[in-house]
Every structure is written in C-alpha cells, then in structure tokens.
Amino acid sequence: MNLIEIRLLNPDELEKIYQIDRSEEIEHRYRYIDGELKAFDESASVPHDPNYWDTYYETWKEALESGAEAFGALDGEQLSGIVILNPILEPGTEQLLALYVDSNHRMSGIAKSLYMKAEDAAKSRKSKTLYVCATPTDSSVNFYLSQGFEPTATPNAGLFEKHPEDIHMTKNL
C-alpha cells in the first residue's frame, strides 16, 4: 500500500467512487427503539457491486455542485475512501452524506482521517452540530459512536422519511 493522500476532491473526481469495494460481513443490525440503541443478530454478506454507486452518484454530484464537499483518500490514483459533507442541512448543522472506505483499506485509520477532515471543515464554518444517517450495521454505528456521535430522539424529518431504517445520530462540535 502506498502513502495515502487525503484531499478535497473536485466534482469531476466523484466518478472514482466506482473504484471502492464496499463489501463486508455484517453480524448485527441496530435499531433505535424507545430511546435506546439495540443490536440484533442479523448476519448478512454485502457483496462487491460497482452498480451500487449508481443509486447515489447523481444525488452526490448535485450536492457537490451545490456546495457540499468531498474529501477522498487516494492510494495513488485509486480512491480508497470518501467522505461527503453537506454544509447546509439546517442552520448550524452539517450532514455527513457519505463515508465509505474500500474493503482492502479498512481498519487502517482512513475512516477516522476522512471523518476528521469533514469535522474540521464544519468547525471552520462555525457549525455547531454534525448529523449522520448511519447504516444500521456494526461497522457504521460503532464507528460513529467512537467519534462521539449519539443517536438522536429528534431526527431530521426529511432525512428520517428517506432513511427510516438508518440510525440517525448527531455530534455537538
């Protein structure tokens, strides 16, 4: 593995997202029930599927063209991770739209480095809160908990409608 460069991506580089292999083995799914985060044994295998990115590509590209920022972790020309930050969710609140790390680069510190770039960008704009709709899996939920996020009892209505199965979390900056 080469030295990983983490930098701001321009919208034209978003197509590199198709290089990321998001495959993983899932042991638990989480649900937020009555103010409590609960884990349920629910194993699943997420296969490598480059077409997965088709679901998000246009939405993310539009977000980037409207002021969102994408930071990429590049291993040479290969995109090994990405975080996308929407600075205009609500006054004082920015949203992590996406945070993905390639399966071959997980547990290497890339997710934390990308996350810290996003957090620093939000702080530089004097934002007070970060918001994320976390995929309800061990890797996602536990990562955000480790970064200081907590499930929110008052999710953003529009995001909750779009992502009712996700764990909606916030972090005060």
N, C-alpha and C. Protein backbone atom coordinates (compact mmCIF):
# COMPACT_ATOMS: atom_id res chain seq x y z
N MET A 1 0.85 -1.17 0.00
CA MET A 1 0.00 0.00 0.00
C MET A 1 0.89 1.23 0.00
N ASN A 2 0.57 2.17 -0.88
CA ASN A 2 1.30 3.43 -0.96
C ASN A 2 0.89 4.35 0.18
N LEU A 3 1.55 5.48 0.24
CA LEU A 3 1.16 6.52 1.18
C LEU A 3 -0.20 7.06 0.73
N ILE A 4 -1.15 7.12 1.64
CA ILE A 4 -2.49 7.60 1.32
C ILE A 4 -2.52 9.12 1.40
N GLU A 5 -3.02 9.74 0.34
CA GLU A 5 -3.18 11.20 0.32
C GLU A 5 -4.66 11.51 0.55
N ILE A 6 -4.93 12.35 1.53
CA ILE A 6 -6.31 12.77 1.79
C ILE A 6 -6.43 14.21 1.36
N ARG A 7 -7.38 14.44 0.43
CA ARG A 7 -7.53 15.80 -0.09
C ARG A 7 -8.95 16.03 -0.57
N LEU A 8 -9.26 17.32 -0.75
CA LEU A 8 -10.54 17.73 -1.29
C LEU A 8 -10.64 17.23 -2.73
N LEU A 9 -11.75 16.64 -3.09
CA LEU A 9 -11.98 16.18 -4.45
C LEU A 9 -12.80 17.22 -5.19
N ASN A 10 -12.58 17.34 -6.48
CA ASN A 10 -13.46 18.21 -7.26
C ASN A 10 -14.61 17.35 -7.78
N PRO A 11 -15.74 17.96 -8.14
CA PRO A 11 -16.90 17.18 -8.57
C PRO A 11 -16.62 16.18 -9.69
N ASP A 12 -15.67 16.51 -10.58
CA ASP A 12 -15.35 15.60 -11.68
C ASP A 12 -14.68 14.31 -11.20
N GLU A 13 -14.12 14.34 -10.01
CA GLU A 13 -13.46 13.15 -9.48
C GLU A 13 -14.43 12.20 -8.76
N LEU A 14 -15.67 12.61 -8.60
CA LEU A 14 -16.64 11.77 -7.90
C LEU A 14 -16.80 10.41 -8.58
N GLU A 15 -16.60 10.34 -9.88
CA GLU A 15 -16.74 9.06 -10.60
C GLU A 15 -15.78 8.00 -10.07
N LYS A 16 -14.73 8.42 -9.36
CA LYS A 16 -13.81 7.45 -8.77
C LYS A 16 -14.49 6.60 -7.70
N ILE A 17 -15.67 7.01 -7.26
CA ILE A 17 -16.41 6.25 -6.24
C ILE A 17 -16.60 4.79 -6.70
N TYR A 18 -16.68 4.60 -8.01
CA TYR A 18 -16.89 3.26 -8.55
C TYR A 18 -15.68 2.34 -8.30
N GLN A 19 -14.56 2.90 -7.86
CA GLN A 19 -13.38 2.10 -7.54
C GLN A 19 -13.48 1.46 -6.15
N ILE A 20 -14.38 1.96 -5.32
CA ILE A 20 -14.46 1.48 -3.94
C ILE A 20 -15.27 0.19 -3.85
N ASP A 21 -14.68 -0.79 -3.22
CA ASP A 21 -15.33 -2.07 -2.93
C ASP A 21 -15.89 -1.99 -1.51
N ARG A 22 -17.20 -1.89 -1.40
CA ARG A 22 -17.81 -1.72 -0.08
C ARG A 22 -18.26 -3.04 0.54
N SER A 23 -17.79 -4.15 0.01
CA SER A 23 -18.21 -5.45 0.54
C SER A 23 -17.82 -5.60 2.01
N GLU A 24 -18.66 -6.32 2.76
CA GLU A 24 -18.38 -6.58 4.17
C GLU A 24 -19.29 -7.69 4.68
N GLU A 25 -18.89 -8.24 5.80
CA GLU A 25 -19.70 -9.22 6.51
C GLU A 25 -20.36 -8.52 7.69
N ILE A 26 -21.65 -8.66 7.80
CA ILE A 26 -22.41 -8.00 8.86
C ILE A 26 -22.88 -9.05 9.86
N GLU A 27 -22.69 -8.77 11.14
CA GLU A 27 -23.14 -9.67 12.19
C GLU A 27 -24.39 -9.17 12.91
N HIS A 28 -24.50 -7.85 13.04
CA HIS A 28 -25.63 -7.26 13.76
C HIS A 28 -26.22 -6.10 12.98
N ARG A 29 -27.49 -5.88 13.20
CA ARG A 29 -28.18 -4.68 12.72
C ARG A 29 -28.69 -3.97 13.96
N TYR A 30 -28.69 -2.67 13.89
CA TYR A 30 -29.14 -1.86 15.02
C TYR A 30 -30.48 -1.23 14.72
N ARG A 31 -31.22 -1.00 15.79
CA ARG A 31 -32.46 -0.24 15.73
C ARG A 31 -32.48 0.69 16.94
N TYR A 32 -33.06 1.84 16.75
CA TYR A 32 -33.23 2.80 17.85
C TYR A 32 -34.68 2.71 18.28
N ILE A 33 -34.90 2.10 19.44
CA ILE A 33 -36.25 1.82 19.92
C ILE A 33 -36.44 2.43 21.30
N ASP A 34 -37.46 3.26 21.44
CA ASP A 34 -37.79 3.87 22.73
C ASP A 34 -36.58 4.50 23.40
N GLY A 35 -35.82 5.24 22.61
CA GLY A 35 -34.68 5.96 23.17
C GLY A 35 -33.46 5.12 23.46
N GLU A 36 -33.45 3.90 22.96
CA GLU A 36 -32.32 3.00 23.23
C GLU A 36 -31.83 2.35 21.94
N LEU A 37 -30.51 2.32 21.78
CA LEU A 37 -29.88 1.66 20.64
C LEU A 37 -29.76 0.18 20.95
N LYS A 38 -30.38 -0.66 20.11
CA LYS A 38 -30.38 -2.10 20.36
C LYS A 38 -29.80 -2.84 19.16
N ALA A 39 -28.94 -3.83 19.47
CA ALA A 39 -28.33 -4.66 18.43
C ALA A 39 -29.10 -5.95 18.31
N PHE A 40 -29.30 -6.40 17.08
CA PHE A 40 -30.00 -7.65 16.80
C PHE A 40 -29.09 -8.52 15.95
N ASP A 41 -29.02 -9.81 16.30
CA ASP A 41 -28.25 -10.74 15.48
C ASP A 41 -28.91 -10.84 14.12
N GLU A 42 -28.22 -10.39 13.11
CA GLU A 42 -28.75 -10.39 11.76
C GLU A 42 -27.57 -10.42 10.81
N SER A 43 -27.02 -11.59 10.58
CA SER A 43 -25.83 -11.65 9.73
C SER A 43 -26.22 -11.55 8.26
N ALA A 44 -25.32 -10.92 7.52
CA ALA A 44 -25.52 -10.75 6.09
C ALA A 44 -24.16 -10.54 5.45
N SER A 45 -24.11 -10.83 4.18
CA SER A 45 -22.90 -10.62 3.41
C SER A 45 -23.21 -9.57 2.34
N VAL A 46 -22.46 -8.49 2.35
CA VAL A 46 -22.63 -7.44 1.35
C VAL A 46 -21.57 -7.69 0.28
N PRO A 47 -22.00 -8.09 -0.92
CA PRO A 47 -21.02 -8.39 -1.98
C PRO A 47 -20.50 -7.13 -2.65
N HIS A 48 -19.38 -7.27 -3.34
CA HIS A 48 -18.85 -6.17 -4.15
C HIS A 48 -19.79 -5.97 -5.33
N ASP A 49 -20.30 -4.77 -5.50
CA ASP A 49 -21.22 -4.47 -6.59
C ASP A 49 -21.01 -3.02 -7.03
N PRO A 50 -20.19 -2.79 -8.06
CA PRO A 50 -19.95 -1.41 -8.50
C PRO A 50 -21.23 -0.66 -8.87
N ASN A 51 -22.27 -1.38 -9.26
CA ASN A 51 -23.52 -0.72 -9.63
C ASN A 51 -24.22 -0.10 -8.43
N TYR A 52 -23.83 -0.48 -7.22
CA TYR A 52 -24.40 0.11 -6.00
C TYR A 52 -24.28 1.64 -6.04
N TRP A 53 -23.18 2.13 -6.57
CA TRP A 53 -22.92 3.57 -6.58
C TRP A 53 -23.88 4.32 -7.48
N ASP A 54 -24.50 3.64 -8.46
CA ASP A 54 -25.47 4.31 -9.33
C ASP A 54 -26.60 4.94 -8.52
N THR A 55 -26.95 4.33 -7.40
CA THR A 55 -28.03 4.81 -6.55
C THR A 55 -27.74 6.21 -6.01
N TYR A 56 -26.49 6.52 -5.78
CA TYR A 56 -26.10 7.76 -5.12
C TYR A 56 -25.38 8.77 -5.99
N TYR A 57 -24.80 8.33 -7.07
CA TYR A 57 -23.89 9.17 -7.85
C TYR A 57 -24.50 10.52 -8.22
N GLU A 58 -25.66 10.54 -8.85
CA GLU A 58 -26.25 11.80 -9.31
C GLU A 58 -26.60 12.72 -8.14
N THR A 59 -27.14 12.14 -7.06
CA THR A 59 -27.50 12.94 -5.88
C THR A 59 -26.26 13.58 -5.28
N TRP A 60 -25.19 12.80 -5.16
CA TRP A 60 -23.96 13.33 -4.58
C TRP A 60 -23.33 14.37 -5.51
N LYS A 61 -23.37 14.14 -6.81
CA LYS A 61 -22.81 15.09 -7.76
C LYS A 61 -23.55 16.42 -7.65
N GLU A 62 -24.88 16.37 -7.58
CA GLU A 62 -25.68 17.59 -7.41
C GLU A 62 -25.32 18.28 -6.10
N ALA A 63 -25.15 17.50 -5.04
CA ALA A 63 -24.79 18.07 -3.74
C ALA A 63 -23.44 18.80 -3.85
N LEU A 64 -22.47 18.19 -4.52
CA LEU A 64 -21.16 18.83 -4.68
C LEU A 64 -21.27 20.12 -5.48
N GLU A 65 -22.12 20.11 -6.49
CA GLU A 65 -22.30 21.31 -7.31
C GLU A 65 -23.06 22.40 -6.55
N SER A 66 -23.73 22.02 -5.44
CA SER A 66 -24.50 22.98 -4.63
C SER A 66 -23.78 23.37 -3.34
N GLY A 67 -22.51 23.02 -3.21
CA GLY A 67 -21.76 23.47 -2.05
C GLY A 67 -21.27 22.40 -1.10
N ALA A 68 -21.67 21.14 -1.30
CA ALA A 68 -21.13 20.06 -0.47
C ALA A 68 -19.66 19.85 -0.82
N GLU A 69 -18.94 19.21 0.09
CA GLU A 69 -17.52 18.94 -0.12
C GLU A 69 -17.28 17.44 -0.03
N ALA A 70 -16.39 16.95 -0.87
CA ALA A 70 -15.97 15.55 -0.80
C ALA A 70 -14.47 15.52 -0.57
N PHE A 71 -14.08 14.76 0.44
CA PHE A 71 -12.66 14.52 0.68
C PHE A 71 -12.41 13.07 0.33
N GLY A 72 -11.33 12.84 -0.40
CA GLY A 72 -11.00 11.49 -0.81
C GLY A 72 -9.69 11.03 -0.22
N ALA A 73 -9.58 9.73 0.01
CA ALA A 73 -8.33 9.10 0.40
C ALA A 73 -7.83 8.38 -0.84
N LEU A 74 -6.71 8.84 -1.36
CA LEU A 74 -6.19 8.28 -2.61
C LEU A 74 -4.92 7.50 -2.36
N ASP A 75 -4.92 6.28 -2.86
CA ASP A 75 -3.76 5.41 -2.84
C ASP A 75 -3.25 5.42 -4.28
N GLY A 76 -2.39 6.36 -4.58
CA GLY A 76 -2.01 6.59 -5.98
C GLY A 76 -3.21 7.20 -6.69
N GLU A 77 -3.65 6.56 -7.76
CA GLU A 77 -4.83 7.02 -8.49
C GLU A 77 -6.11 6.34 -8.00
N GLN A 78 -5.96 5.37 -7.12
CA GLN A 78 -7.10 4.59 -6.62
C GLN A 78 -7.77 5.29 -5.44
N LEU A 79 -9.08 5.51 -5.54
CA LEU A 79 -9.83 6.07 -4.43
C LEU A 79 -10.09 4.95 -3.42
N SER A 80 -9.56 5.12 -2.22
CA SER A 80 -9.72 4.07 -1.21
C SER A 80 -10.71 4.46 -0.12
N GLY A 81 -11.18 5.71 -0.16
CA GLY A 81 -12.18 6.16 0.80
C GLY A 81 -12.69 7.52 0.43
N ILE A 82 -13.90 7.83 0.92
CA ILE A 82 -14.51 9.13 0.63
C ILE A 82 -15.43 9.53 1.77
N VAL A 83 -15.46 10.82 2.03
CA VAL A 83 -16.45 11.40 2.93
C VAL A 83 -17.04 12.60 2.19
N ILE A 84 -18.37 12.73 2.28
CA ILE A 84 -19.05 13.86 1.65
C ILE A 84 -19.81 14.60 2.74
N LEU A 85 -19.60 15.90 2.79
CA LEU A 85 -20.18 16.76 3.82
C LEU A 85 -21.10 17.80 3.19
N ASN A 86 -22.36 17.80 3.62
CA ASN A 86 -23.35 18.78 3.19
C ASN A 86 -23.40 19.88 4.24
N PRO A 87 -22.92 21.10 3.92
CA PRO A 87 -22.86 22.14 4.93
C PRO A 87 -24.19 22.86 5.20
N ILE A 88 -25.25 22.49 4.49
CA ILE A 88 -26.49 23.26 4.61
C ILE A 88 -27.71 22.41 4.96
N LEU A 89 -27.57 21.49 5.91
CA LEU A 89 -28.73 20.69 6.30
C LEU A 89 -29.74 21.56 7.04
N GLU A 90 -29.32 22.19 8.11
CA GLU A 90 -30.13 23.10 8.92
C GLU A 90 -29.16 24.18 9.42
N PRO A 91 -29.68 25.33 9.86
CA PRO A 91 -28.76 26.34 10.39
C PRO A 91 -27.90 25.76 11.52
N GLY A 92 -26.58 25.86 11.36
CA GLY A 92 -25.66 25.38 12.37
C GLY A 92 -25.41 23.88 12.35
N THR A 93 -26.06 23.16 11.45
CA THR A 93 -25.92 21.70 11.37
C THR A 93 -25.50 21.27 9.98
N GLU A 94 -24.44 20.49 9.93
CA GLU A 94 -23.96 19.93 8.67
C GLU A 94 -24.18 18.42 8.68
N GLN A 95 -24.35 17.85 7.50
CA GLN A 95 -24.65 16.42 7.38
C GLN A 95 -23.52 15.67 6.69
N LEU A 96 -23.13 14.55 7.31
CA LEU A 96 -22.24 13.62 6.61
C LEU A 96 -23.13 12.82 5.67
N LEU A 97 -23.02 13.10 4.38
CA LEU A 97 -23.83 12.39 3.38
C LEU A 97 -23.31 10.98 3.16
N ALA A 98 -22.01 10.82 3.27
CA ALA A 98 -21.41 9.52 2.96
C ALA A 98 -20.05 9.41 3.61
N LEU A 99 -19.71 8.22 4.02
CA LEU A 99 -18.36 7.89 4.47
C LEU A 99 -18.15 6.41 4.16
N TYR A 100 -17.29 6.15 3.20
CA TYR A 100 -17.01 4.79 2.76
C TYR A 100 -15.51 4.59 2.66
N VAL A 101 -15.07 3.39 3.02
CA VAL A 101 -13.67 3.01 2.86
C VAL A 101 -13.65 1.66 2.14
N ASP A 102 -12.78 1.55 1.17
CA ASP A 102 -12.62 0.31 0.40
C ASP A 102 -12.29 -0.85 1.34
N SER A 103 -12.83 -2.02 1.04
CA SER A 103 -12.64 -3.18 1.91
C SER A 103 -11.18 -3.53 2.13
N ASN A 104 -10.31 -3.24 1.17
CA ASN A 104 -8.88 -3.54 1.32
C ASN A 104 -8.13 -2.51 2.18
N HIS A 105 -8.81 -1.44 2.56
CA HIS A 105 -8.17 -0.38 3.34
C HIS A 105 -8.82 -0.17 4.70
N ARG A 106 -9.74 -1.03 5.08
CA ARG A 106 -10.42 -0.85 6.35
C ARG A 106 -9.48 -1.13 7.51
N MET A 107 -9.79 -0.54 8.66
CA MET A 107 -9.01 -0.69 9.89
C MET A 107 -7.60 -0.13 9.73
N SER A 108 -7.45 0.84 8.83
CA SER A 108 -6.14 1.44 8.60
C SER A 108 -6.08 2.89 9.09
N GLY A 109 -7.20 3.40 9.61
CA GLY A 109 -7.25 4.78 10.06
C GLY A 109 -7.79 5.74 9.00
N ILE A 110 -8.09 5.23 7.81
CA ILE A 110 -8.59 6.10 6.75
C ILE A 110 -9.94 6.70 7.11
N ALA A 111 -10.85 5.91 7.65
CA ALA A 111 -12.18 6.44 8.00
C ALA A 111 -12.05 7.58 9.00
N LYS A 112 -11.23 7.39 10.01
CA LYS A 112 -11.05 8.45 11.01
C LYS A 112 -10.42 9.69 10.39
N SER A 113 -9.42 9.50 9.53
CA SER A 113 -8.78 10.64 8.88
C SER A 113 -9.77 11.40 8.01
N LEU A 114 -10.58 10.67 7.26
CA LEU A 114 -11.59 11.33 6.42
C LEU A 114 -12.61 12.06 7.29
N TYR A 115 -13.07 11.38 8.33
CA TYR A 115 -14.04 11.99 9.23
C TYR A 115 -13.47 13.27 9.84
N MET A 116 -12.22 13.25 10.28
CA MET A 116 -11.62 14.43 10.91
C MET A 116 -11.53 15.59 9.91
N LYS A 117 -11.28 15.31 8.64
CA LYS A 117 -11.28 16.37 7.61
C LYS A 117 -12.65 17.01 7.55
N ALA A 118 -13.70 16.17 7.55
CA ALA A 118 -15.06 16.70 7.49
C ALA A 118 -15.39 17.50 8.74
N GLU A 119 -15.03 16.98 9.91
CA GLU A 119 -15.31 17.69 11.16
C GLU A 119 -14.58 19.04 11.18
N ASP A 120 -13.33 19.05 10.77
CA ASP A 120 -12.56 20.30 10.74
C ASP A 120 -13.20 21.31 9.79
N ALA A 121 -13.69 20.84 8.65
CA ALA A 121 -14.34 21.74 7.69
C ALA A 121 -15.61 22.33 8.30
N ALA A 122 -16.39 21.51 9.00
CA ALA A 122 -17.61 22.00 9.65
C ALA A 122 -17.27 23.01 10.74
N LYS A 123 -16.26 22.72 11.53
CA LYS A 123 -15.84 23.64 12.59
C LYS A 123 -15.35 24.97 12.01
N SER A 124 -14.67 24.90 10.87
CA SER A 124 -14.15 26.13 10.26
C SER A 124 -15.28 27.06 9.82
N ARG A 125 -16.47 26.51 9.61
CA ARG A 125 -17.65 27.31 9.25
C ARG A 125 -18.48 27.65 10.49
N LYS A 126 -17.94 27.32 11.66
CA LYS A 126 -18.60 27.61 12.94
C LYS A 126 -19.90 26.83 13.12
N SER A 127 -20.02 25.69 12.44
CA SER A 127 -21.19 24.83 12.64
C SER A 127 -21.16 24.28 14.05
N LYS A 128 -22.31 24.00 14.60
CA LYS A 128 -22.43 23.53 15.98
C LYS A 128 -22.68 22.03 16.08
N THR A 129 -23.21 21.43 15.00
CA THR A 129 -23.63 20.02 15.06
C THR A 129 -23.33 19.31 13.75
N LEU A 130 -22.95 18.05 13.87
CA LEU A 130 -22.87 17.16 12.71
C LEU A 130 -24.00 16.15 12.83
N TYR A 131 -24.57 15.77 11.69
CA TYR A 131 -25.70 14.84 11.63
C TYR A 131 -25.34 13.75 10.64
N VAL A 132 -25.68 12.50 10.98
CA VAL A 132 -25.44 11.40 10.06
C VAL A 132 -26.59 10.40 10.14
N CYS A 133 -26.95 9.86 9.00
CA CYS A 133 -27.87 8.73 8.91
C CYS A 133 -26.97 7.51 8.75
N ALA A 134 -26.69 6.84 9.86
CA ALA A 134 -25.74 5.72 9.84
C ALA A 134 -26.43 4.44 9.40
N THR A 135 -25.79 3.73 8.48
CA THR A 135 -26.25 2.40 8.11
C THR A 135 -26.31 1.59 9.41
N PRO A 136 -27.38 0.85 9.66
CA PRO A 136 -27.55 0.21 10.97
C PRO A 136 -26.72 -1.06 11.17
N THR A 137 -25.43 -1.00 10.81
CA THR A 137 -24.54 -2.16 10.93
C THR A 137 -23.47 -1.89 11.99
N ASP A 138 -22.82 -2.97 12.45
CA ASP A 138 -21.75 -2.84 13.45
C ASP A 138 -20.70 -1.82 13.02
N SER A 139 -20.18 -1.98 11.82
CA SER A 139 -19.06 -1.14 11.40
C SER A 139 -19.45 0.33 11.38
N SER A 140 -20.62 0.64 10.87
CA SER A 140 -21.04 2.03 10.76
C SER A 140 -21.41 2.62 12.12
N VAL A 141 -22.32 1.99 12.82
CA VAL A 141 -22.79 2.52 14.10
C VAL A 141 -21.64 2.63 15.10
N ASN A 142 -20.83 1.59 15.21
CA ASN A 142 -19.73 1.63 16.17
C ASN A 142 -18.68 2.68 15.81
N PHE A 143 -18.46 2.89 14.52
CA PHE A 143 -17.52 3.94 14.12
C PHE A 143 -18.02 5.30 14.60
N TYR A 144 -19.28 5.61 14.30
CA TYR A 144 -19.79 6.92 14.69
C TYR A 144 -19.86 7.08 16.21
N LEU A 145 -20.22 6.03 16.92
CA LEU A 145 -20.20 6.11 18.39
C LEU A 145 -18.79 6.42 18.88
N SER A 146 -17.78 5.80 18.26
CA SER A 146 -16.39 6.01 18.68
C SER A 146 -15.92 7.44 18.39
N GLN A 147 -16.61 8.12 17.48
CA GLN A 147 -16.25 9.50 17.16
C GLN A 147 -17.06 10.52 17.98
N GLY A 148 -17.89 10.02 18.88
CA GLY A 148 -18.63 10.92 19.76
C GLY A 148 -20.06 11.20 19.34
N PHE A 149 -20.56 10.53 18.33
CA PHE A 149 -21.95 10.70 17.93
C PHE A 149 -22.86 9.95 18.89
N GLU A 150 -24.10 10.42 18.98
CA GLU A 150 -25.12 9.73 19.78
C GLU A 150 -26.40 9.68 18.97
N PRO A 151 -27.17 8.60 19.13
CA PRO A 151 -28.48 8.55 18.44
C PRO A 151 -29.33 9.74 18.89
N THR A 152 -30.10 10.27 17.97
CA THR A 152 -30.96 11.41 18.30
C THR A 152 -32.41 10.98 18.39
N ALA A 153 -33.09 11.47 19.40
CA ALA A 153 -34.52 11.20 19.58
C ALA A 153 -35.35 12.11 18.69
N THR A 154 -34.72 13.14 18.12
CA THR A 154 -35.44 14.08 17.25
C THR A 154 -34.75 14.16 15.89
N PRO A 155 -34.92 13.11 15.07
CA PRO A 155 -34.25 13.12 13.76
C PRO A 155 -34.82 14.19 12.84
N ASN A 156 -34.02 14.60 11.88
CA ASN A 156 -34.46 15.49 10.82
C ASN A 156 -35.60 14.80 10.08
N ALA A 157 -36.75 15.44 10.00
CA ALA A 157 -37.95 14.80 9.44
C ALA A 157 -37.75 14.34 8.00
N GLY A 158 -37.16 15.20 7.17
CA GLY A 158 -36.95 14.83 5.77
C GLY A 158 -36.01 13.65 5.61
N LEU A 159 -34.95 13.64 6.40
CA LEU A 159 -33.99 12.53 6.32
C LEU A 159 -34.58 11.25 6.91
N PHE A 160 -35.34 11.39 7.97
CA PHE A 160 -35.95 10.20 8.57
C PHE A 160 -36.94 9.56 7.60
N GLU A 161 -37.66 10.40 6.85
CA GLU A 161 -38.60 9.88 5.87
C GLU A 161 -37.87 9.10 4.77
N LYS A 162 -36.71 9.62 4.34
CA LYS A 162 -35.91 8.96 3.29
C LYS A 162 -35.17 7.73 3.81
N HIS A 163 -34.77 7.75 5.09
CA HIS A 163 -33.91 6.70 5.65
C HIS A 163 -34.44 6.22 7.00
N PRO A 164 -35.64 5.65 7.02
CA PRO A 164 -36.23 5.27 8.32
C PRO A 164 -35.51 4.12 9.03
N GLU A 165 -34.77 3.31 8.32
CA GLU A 165 -34.07 2.17 8.93
C GLU A 165 -32.71 2.56 9.48
N ASP A 166 -32.18 3.71 9.04
CA ASP A 166 -30.86 4.13 9.49
C ASP A 166 -30.91 4.59 10.96
N ILE A 167 -29.74 4.65 11.56
CA ILE A 167 -29.62 5.18 12.91
C ILE A 167 -29.23 6.65 12.76
N HIS A 168 -30.14 7.55 13.11
CA HIS A 168 -29.91 8.98 12.98
C HIS A 168 -29.14 9.44 14.22
N MET A 169 -27.97 10.05 13.97
CA MET A 169 -27.06 10.39 15.04
C MET A 169 -26.57 11.82 14.88
N THR A 170 -26.25 12.44 16.01
CA THR A 170 -25.69 13.79 15.99
C THR A 170 -24.47 13.85 16.90
N LYS A 171 -23.66 14.86 16.63
CA LYS A 171 -22.50 15.14 17.47
C LYS A 171 -22.38 16.65 17.61
N ASN A 172 -22.29 17.12 18.83
CA ASN A 172 -22.05 18.54 19.07
C ASN A 172 -20.57 18.83 18.84
N LEU A 173 -20.32 19.90 18.13
CA LEU A 173 -18.93 20.29 17.84
C LEU A 173 -18.41 21.29 18.84
